[in-house]
């Protein structure tokens, strides 16, 4: 990365007390791994939300297309293995646990196992780079609910900071984008449209979180890293009632408009809002959006998710070391600087409160 504003923020930015943590907990969304899991999983996801059952059954069909298996659990197992190998090789030497919000292994079970193993103070890596209710605050609530379910013996769990502009995250995605661009014929590569996508959220939720600003900054930094001045950010996978406004433009609507405008033959779609392969990636993009592009005559190349990219795995170790160091180097690119370790009290609510 280059540019006057794209700086690594030095250790003088903030001082940390040296904290001794004795475990790392991977916290993720979870997903079904067989057909019989699908409906119970979706009922967990949609509990308390005004989503008609018919819509839930429609979503279930997306999973059945893949025999009821979401790729996310396998992705998390691979990430766990990569992180364990990194920590074993370079330290700190911590046991690593894993718990999900919506499906097995469930978060409360993971926290119970940690308590049984004598863990007293752990760090949590949440598989979301950006700040929003569903991507940050809700996971904090999930962690506290799990701790309350276990009782006084539950360990304290501190969440690692958001990493949307950490060089490890940006460099890993930039590498995925370069690979995708190489799939386009050299004579058309420069004209290919670079489009980033993230899961849409209600506009009311976005207004009380840094999500949009952070997404745009991450897109800018990745684009800069691959030498692209022009890019677009779109949203996908909207759910919930049709009335309230959500973040737009929708990826399908955007591609239709792009086609109508003419002049674009190739699109590189980058699922920057997803760290792992989700159903929202392998169905919403690889099936629905791919089918739309085929019907429009657009050549779609989908960049890979960050997954277990070595630079991303190294970033996780760096974030752990940062929290265990008295005067850490808090790595961050661009003018927004590193995210705080603890979010402000009113950050990432579901909507503005009065």
Protein backbone atom coordinates (compact mmCIF):
# COMPACT_ATOMS: atom_id res chain seq x y z
CA UNK A 1 0.00 0.00 0.00
CA UNK A 2 1.14 3.54 -0.65
CA UNK A 3 -0.09 7.10 -0.37
CA UNK A 4 0.33 9.79 2.25
CA UNK A 5 -2.71 8.70 4.26
CA UNK A 6 -2.13 4.96 4.12
CA UNK A 7 0.07 4.61 7.17
CA UNK A 8 0.92 1.96 9.71
CA UNK A 9 -0.10 3.44 13.05
CA UNK A 10 2.74 3.12 15.58
CA UNK A 11 2.67 1.77 19.08
CA UNK A 12 2.46 5.29 20.47
CA UNK A 13 -1.16 5.44 19.29
CA UNK A 14 -2.36 3.64 22.43
CA UNK A 15 -0.87 1.88 25.40
CA UNK A 16 -2.18 -1.46 26.62
CA UNK A 17 -1.66 -3.06 29.97
CA UNK A 18 0.02 -6.41 29.50
CA UNK A 19 -2.71 -9.03 29.80
CA UNK A 20 -2.14 -12.75 30.12
CA UNK A 21 -4.70 -14.65 28.08
CA UNK A 22 -4.85 -18.42 28.20
CA UNK A 23 -7.01 -19.33 25.16
CA UNK A 24 -8.43 -18.18 21.84
CA UNK A 25 -12.09 -18.71 20.92
CA UNK A 26 -13.19 -18.65 17.29
CA UNK A 27 -16.75 -17.32 17.12
CA UNK A 28 -18.75 -17.73 13.93
CA UNK A 29 -22.24 -17.92 12.44
CA UNK A 30 -22.52 -21.67 11.94
CA UNK A 31 -24.29 -23.68 9.29
CA UNK A 32 -26.00 -27.04 8.65
CA UNK A 33 -24.00 -30.08 7.61
CA UNK A 34 -26.81 -32.38 6.46
CA UNK A 35 -30.38 -32.09 5.19
CA UNK A 36 -31.96 -32.77 8.58
CA UNK A 37 -30.05 -29.81 10.03
CA UNK A 38 -31.41 -27.22 7.61
CA UNK A 39 -34.80 -26.32 9.09
CA UNK A 40 -33.66 -26.36 12.75
CA UNK A 41 -30.70 -24.19 11.75
CA UNK A 42 -32.89 -21.69 9.89
CA UNK A 43 -35.31 -21.58 12.80
CA UNK A 44 -32.39 -20.60 15.03
CA UNK A 45 -31.26 -17.92 12.58
CA UNK A 46 -34.74 -16.44 12.11
CA UNK A 47 -36.01 -16.72 15.68
CA UNK A 48 -37.58 -13.40 16.70
CA UNK A 49 -37.49 -12.03 13.15
CA UNK A 50 -40.56 -11.24 11.09
CA UNK A 51 -39.76 -13.65 8.28
CA UNK A 52 -42.72 -15.67 6.94
CA UNK A 53 -42.33 -19.44 7.18
CA UNK A 54 -42.83 -19.73 3.44
CA UNK A 55 -39.77 -17.55 2.94
CA UNK A 56 -37.81 -19.78 5.31
CA UNK A 57 -38.81 -22.82 3.27
CA UNK A 58 -37.65 -21.05 0.12
CA UNK A 59 -34.27 -20.39 1.71
CA UNK A 60 -34.09 -24.04 2.78
CA UNK A 61 -34.22 -25.04 -0.89
CA UNK A 62 -30.94 -23.19 -1.42
CA UNK A 63 -29.31 -25.50 1.13
CA UNK A 64 -30.98 -28.61 -0.31
CA UNK A 65 -29.35 -27.80 -3.64
CA UNK A 66 -26.08 -28.58 -1.84
CA UNK A 67 -27.47 -31.63 0.04
CA UNK A 68 -28.10 -29.48 3.11
CA UNK A 69 -24.41 -28.70 3.62
CA UNK A 70 -23.22 -25.16 4.17
CA UNK A 71 -19.49 -24.73 3.53
CA UNK A 72 -18.97 -22.47 6.54
CA UNK A 73 -18.21 -25.14 9.15
CA UNK A 74 -15.60 -26.79 6.93
CA UNK A 75 -14.13 -23.34 6.32
CA UNK A 76 -13.93 -22.72 10.05
CA UNK A 77 -12.26 -26.07 10.66
CA UNK A 78 -9.64 -25.15 8.07
CA UNK A 79 -9.14 -21.74 9.66
CA UNK A 80 -8.81 -23.35 13.10
CA UNK A 81 -6.14 -25.71 11.81
CA UNK A 82 -4.25 -22.85 10.15
CA UNK A 83 -4.37 -20.68 13.29
CA UNK A 84 -3.26 -23.57 15.52
CA UNK A 85 -0.32 -24.23 13.19
CA UNK A 86 0.61 -20.53 13.19
CA UNK A 87 0.47 -20.24 16.98
CA UNK A 88 2.39 -23.49 17.47
CA UNK A 89 5.11 -22.26 15.10
CA UNK A 90 5.43 -18.66 16.25
CA UNK A 91 3.46 -18.28 19.48
CA UNK A 92 1.81 -17.34 21.66
CA UNK A 93 1.01 -20.95 22.50
CA UNK A 94 -2.71 -20.90 23.26
CA UNK A 95 -5.38 -23.61 23.06
CA UNK A 96 -7.99 -22.74 20.44
CA UNK A 97 -11.74 -23.35 20.81
CA UNK A 98 -14.66 -22.83 18.44
CA UNK A 99 -18.31 -21.93 18.98
CA UNK A 100 -21.13 -20.80 16.68
CA UNK A 101 -24.11 -18.52 17.07
CA UNK A 102 -26.64 -20.70 15.23
CA UNK A 103 -25.44 -24.29 14.92
CA UNK A 104 -23.14 -26.87 16.39
CA UNK A 105 -20.63 -26.49 17.87
CA UNK A 106 -22.69 -23.94 19.77
CA UNK A 107 -21.07 -21.08 21.62
CA UNK A 108 -22.39 -22.08 25.06
CA UNK A 109 -20.93 -25.57 24.62
CA UNK A 110 -17.55 -24.12 23.71
CA UNK A 111 -17.55 -21.79 26.70
CA UNK A 112 -18.56 -24.68 28.99
CA UNK A 113 -15.64 -26.74 27.69
CA UNK A 114 -13.31 -23.79 28.28
CA UNK A 115 -14.55 -23.51 31.87
CA UNK A 116 -14.10 -27.26 32.39
CA UNK A 117 -10.53 -26.96 31.07
CA UNK A 118 -9.72 -24.22 33.57
CA UNK A 119 -9.58 -21.34 31.10
CA UNK A 120 -9.94 -18.05 32.94
CA UNK A 121 -9.34 -15.29 30.39
CA UNK A 122 -9.69 -15.74 26.64
CA UNK A 123 -9.60 -13.74 23.45
CA UNK A 124 -12.37 -14.11 20.86
CA UNK A 125 -11.86 -13.91 17.12
CA UNK A 126 -15.22 -13.13 15.52
CA UNK A 127 -15.45 -13.96 11.82
CA UNK A 128 -16.56 -10.47 10.82
CA UNK A 129 -14.25 -7.64 9.82
CA UNK A 130 -16.80 -4.82 9.95
CA UNK A 131 -18.83 -3.07 12.61
CA UNK A 132 -22.61 -3.57 12.62
CA UNK A 133 -25.17 -5.04 14.99
CA UNK A 134 -25.14 -8.50 13.40
CA UNK A 135 -21.39 -8.43 12.70
CA UNK A 136 -20.13 -7.16 16.05
CA UNK A 137 -22.50 -6.16 18.85
CA UNK A 138 -24.70 -9.24 18.53
CA UNK A 139 -21.65 -11.48 18.88
CA UNK A 140 -20.72 -9.63 22.08
CA UNK A 141 -24.25 -10.30 23.33
CA UNK A 142 -23.91 -13.95 22.30
CA UNK A 143 -20.66 -14.25 24.24
CA UNK A 144 -22.20 -12.74 27.36
CA UNK A 145 -25.27 -14.97 27.11
CA UNK A 146 -23.01 -18.02 26.84
CA UNK A 147 -21.04 -16.91 29.88
CA UNK A 148 -24.23 -16.32 31.87
CA UNK A 149 -25.45 -19.80 30.91
CA UNK A 150 -22.28 -21.34 32.33
CA UNK A 151 -22.20 -19.28 35.50
CA UNK A 152 -19.41 -17.92 37.71
CA UNK A 153 -16.84 -20.42 36.45
CA UNK A 154 -17.14 -19.09 32.87
CA UNK A 155 -13.97 -17.38 31.63
CA UNK A 156 -13.78 -13.71 30.84
CA UNK A 157 -13.77 -13.32 27.04
CA UNK A 158 -12.45 -10.20 25.28
CA UNK A 159 -13.15 -9.73 21.59
CA UNK A 160 -10.31 -8.89 19.22
CA UNK A 161 -10.78 -5.55 17.49
CA UNK A 162 -12.30 -5.06 14.05
CA UNK A 163 -9.74 -5.52 11.29
CA UNK A 164 -11.37 -4.07 8.15
CA UNK A 165 -8.27 -1.95 7.44
CA UNK A 166 -5.58 -4.20 8.92
CA UNK A 167 -2.85 -4.77 6.31
CA UNK A 168 -3.17 -8.54 6.74
CA UNK A 169 -6.84 -8.45 5.75
CA UNK A 170 -6.36 -5.96 2.91
CA UNK A 171 -3.32 -7.70 1.44
CA UNK A 172 -5.03 -11.10 1.53
CA UNK A 173 -8.10 -9.82 -0.32
CA UNK A 174 -5.95 -7.92 -2.81
CA UNK A 175 -4.19 -11.19 -3.60
CA UNK A 176 -7.56 -12.88 -4.20
CA UNK A 177 -8.55 -10.02 -6.54
CA UNK A 178 -5.32 -10.30 -8.54
CA UNK A 179 -5.97 -14.01 -9.03
CA UNK A 180 -9.51 -13.27 -10.25
CA UNK A 181 -8.27 -10.59 -12.66
CA UNK A 182 -5.82 -13.08 -14.14
CA UNK A 183 -8.80 -15.21 -15.22
CA UNK A 184 -9.84 -12.45 -17.64
CA UNK A 185 -8.17 -12.32 -21.08
CA UNK A 186 -5.23 -9.88 -20.96
CA UNK A 187 -6.64 -7.64 -23.68
CA UNK A 188 -9.87 -7.13 -21.65
CA UNK A 189 -8.42 -7.07 -18.15
CA UNK A 190 -7.97 -3.31 -17.81
CA UNK A 191 -11.62 -2.69 -18.74
CA UNK A 192 -13.05 -5.27 -16.33
CA UNK A 193 -15.41 -3.80 -13.75
CA UNK A 194 -14.32 -4.31 -10.14
CA UNK A 195 -17.39 -4.78 -7.92
CA UNK A 196 -17.35 -5.50 -4.18
CA UNK A 197 -20.31 -7.03 -2.39
CA UNK A 198 -21.39 -7.35 1.23
CA UNK A 199 -24.48 -8.60 3.05
CA UNK A 200 -27.10 -5.86 3.12
CA UNK A 201 -28.46 -4.65 6.46
CA UNK A 202 -31.41 -2.35 7.28
CA UNK A 203 -30.64 1.32 6.70
CA UNK A 204 -31.71 2.09 10.30
CA UNK A 205 -29.06 -0.35 11.53
CA UNK A 206 -26.40 1.08 9.23
CA UNK A 207 -27.02 4.60 10.53
CA UNK A 208 -25.87 3.64 14.03
CA UNK A 209 -22.82 1.62 13.01
CA UNK A 210 -19.58 2.27 11.11
CA UNK A 211 -20.32 -0.54 8.63
CA UNK A 212 -20.78 1.49 5.43
CA UNK A 213 -17.79 3.72 6.07
CA UNK A 214 -15.59 0.74 6.90
CA UNK A 215 -16.72 -1.23 3.86
CA UNK A 216 -15.97 1.68 1.54
CA UNK A 217 -12.56 2.17 3.11
CA UNK A 218 -11.69 -1.52 2.76
CA UNK A 219 -12.78 -1.46 -0.90
CA UNK A 220 -10.65 1.63 -1.51
CA UNK A 221 -7.60 0.08 0.12
CA UNK A 222 -7.90 -3.20 -1.79
CA UNK A 223 -8.46 -1.37 -5.06
CA UNK A 224 -5.41 0.77 -4.39
CA UNK A 225 -3.42 -2.38 -3.69
CA UNK A 226 -4.28 -3.86 -7.10
CA UNK A 227 -3.81 -0.58 -8.95
CA UNK A 228 -7.47 0.18 -9.61
CA UNK A 229 -8.84 3.70 -9.23
CA UNK A 230 -12.45 2.77 -10.06
CA UNK A 231 -14.62 0.31 -8.16
CA UNK A 232 -18.19 -0.20 -6.96
CA UNK A 233 -19.74 -1.40 -3.70
CA UNK A 234 -23.06 -3.25 -3.85
CA UNK A 235 -25.12 -5.33 -1.44
CA UNK A 236 -26.74 -8.74 -1.50
CA UNK A 237 -28.83 -11.32 0.35
CA UNK A 238 -31.43 -8.98 1.80
CA UNK A 239 -33.85 -10.73 4.16
CA UNK A 240 -36.68 -9.61 6.40
CA UNK A 241 -39.90 -7.68 5.68
CA UNK A 242 -40.04 -5.67 2.43
CA UNK A 243 -41.04 -2.34 3.98
CA UNK A 244 -37.99 -0.85 5.77
CA UNK A 245 -35.16 0.37 3.49
CA UNK A 246 -31.94 -1.65 3.35
CA UNK A 247 -28.50 -0.76 2.06
CA UNK A 248 -28.41 -0.55 -1.72
CA UNK A 249 -27.74 -0.95 -4.60
CA UNK A 250 -28.64 -4.63 -4.79
CA UNK A 251 -26.04 -6.58 -6.74
CA UNK A 252 -28.59 -7.92 -9.23
CA UNK A 253 -30.10 -4.48 -9.89
CA UNK A 254 -26.62 -3.01 -10.29
CA UNK A 255 -25.57 -5.62 -12.85
CA UNK A 256 -28.78 -5.08 -14.82
CA UNK A 257 -28.07 -1.35 -14.96
CA UNK A 258 -24.46 -2.05 -15.91
CA UNK A 259 -25.61 -4.21 -18.79
CA UNK A 260 -28.10 -1.61 -19.99
CA UNK A 261 -25.37 1.02 -19.98
CA UNK A 262 -23.29 -1.09 -22.35
CA UNK A 263 -19.55 -1.23 -22.76
CA UNK A 264 -18.81 -3.75 -19.97
CA UNK A 265 -17.93 -7.33 -20.87
CA UNK A 266 -16.24 -8.57 -17.71
CA UNK A 267 -17.07 -8.20 -14.01
CA UNK A 268 -14.87 -9.23 -11.09
CA UNK A 269 -17.13 -9.69 -8.07
CA UNK A 270 -15.37 -9.58 -4.69
CA UNK A 271 -17.36 -10.81 -1.65
CA UNK A 272 -15.45 -8.52 0.70
CA UNK A 273 -18.11 -8.75 3.41
CA UNK A 274 -17.61 -12.52 3.82
CA UNK A 275 -14.52 -14.10 5.36
CA UNK A 276 -15.57 -17.66 4.50
CA UNK A 277 -17.68 -19.40 1.90
CA UNK A 278 -21.29 -18.99 3.06
CA UNK A 279 -24.53 -20.06 1.42
CA UNK A 280 -24.90 -16.36 0.59
CA UNK A 281 -21.76 -16.73 -1.53
CA UNK A 282 -22.12 -20.16 -3.11
CA UNK A 283 -25.84 -19.76 -3.83
CA UNK A 284 -26.65 -16.05 -3.99
CA UNK A 285 -23.56 -15.26 -6.09
CA UNK A 286 -22.39 -18.51 -7.67
CA UNK A 287 -25.89 -19.65 -8.66
CA UNK A 288 -28.28 -16.70 -8.82
CA UNK A 289 -25.93 -13.88 -9.85
CA UNK A 290 -23.90 -16.17 -12.10
CA UNK A 291 -27.14 -17.16 -13.86
CA UNK A 292 -28.14 -13.52 -14.26
CA UNK A 293 -24.76 -12.63 -15.76
CA UNK A 294 -24.96 -15.55 -18.17
CA UNK A 295 -28.37 -14.38 -19.35
CA UNK A 296 -26.99 -10.85 -19.85
CA UNK A 297 -23.86 -11.97 -21.65
CA UNK A 298 -21.58 -10.64 -18.88
CA UNK A 299 -18.46 -12.63 -18.05
CA UNK A 300 -18.49 -12.97 -14.25
CA UNK A 301 -15.36 -13.90 -12.31
CA UNK A 302 -15.89 -14.28 -8.57
CA UNK A 303 -12.87 -13.62 -6.35
CA UNK A 304 -12.19 -16.04 -3.54
CA UNK A 305 -12.96 -15.21 0.07
CA UNK A 306 -10.10 -14.45 2.43
CA UNK A 307 -10.44 -17.92 4.01
CA UNK A 308 -7.10 -19.31 5.18
CA UNK A 309 -4.90 -16.98 3.17
CA UNK A 310 -1.49 -17.05 4.91
CA UNK A 311 -1.38 -13.27 5.37
CA UNK A 312 -4.81 -13.35 7.02
CA UNK A 313 -3.76 -16.14 9.36
CA UNK A 314 -0.65 -14.15 10.28
CA UNK A 315 -2.91 -11.16 10.97
CA UNK A 316 -4.83 -13.19 13.54
CA UNK A 317 -1.61 -13.93 15.38
CA UNK A 318 -0.66 -10.25 15.20
CA UNK A 319 -3.98 -9.22 16.73
CA UNK A 320 -3.50 -11.72 19.56
CA UNK A 321 0.03 -10.47 20.23
CA UNK A 322 -1.25 -6.89 20.16
CA UNK A 323 -3.66 -7.59 23.02
CA UNK A 324 -0.98 -9.35 25.04
CA UNK A 325 1.64 -6.61 24.68
CA UNK A 326 2.08 -3.57 26.92
CA UNK A 327 2.96 -1.18 24.07
CA UNK A 328 1.70 -2.83 20.88
CA UNK A 329 2.01 -1.88 17.25
CA UNK A 330 -1.62 -1.44 16.19
CA UNK A 331 -1.44 -2.04 12.47
CA UNK A 332 -3.95 -0.21 10.29
CA UNK A 333 -3.98 1.28 6.80
CA UNK A 334 -5.55 4.59 5.87
CA UNK A 335 -6.89 7.59 7.74
CA UNK A 336 -9.48 5.76 9.87
CA UNK A 337 -6.78 4.16 11.98
CA UNK A 338 -7.13 1.04 14.14
CA UNK A 339 -10.50 0.21 15.65
CA UNK A 340 -10.79 0.39 19.43
CA UNK A 341 -10.60 -2.78 21.48
CA UNK A 342 -13.90 -1.92 23.17
CA UNK A 343 -16.73 -0.37 21.16
CA UNK A 344 -18.47 2.77 22.48
CA UNK A 345 -21.69 2.03 24.45
CA UNK A 346 -24.04 3.30 21.71
CA UNK A 347 -22.25 1.69 18.79
CA UNK A 348 -23.87 -0.82 16.44
CA UNK A 349 -27.40 -0.81 17.81
CA UNK A 350 -30.26 -2.24 15.80
CA UNK A 351 -31.55 1.29 15.16
CA UNK A 352 -31.48 4.81 16.54
CA UNK A 353 -32.96 4.92 20.03
CA UNK A 354 -34.83 7.93 21.44
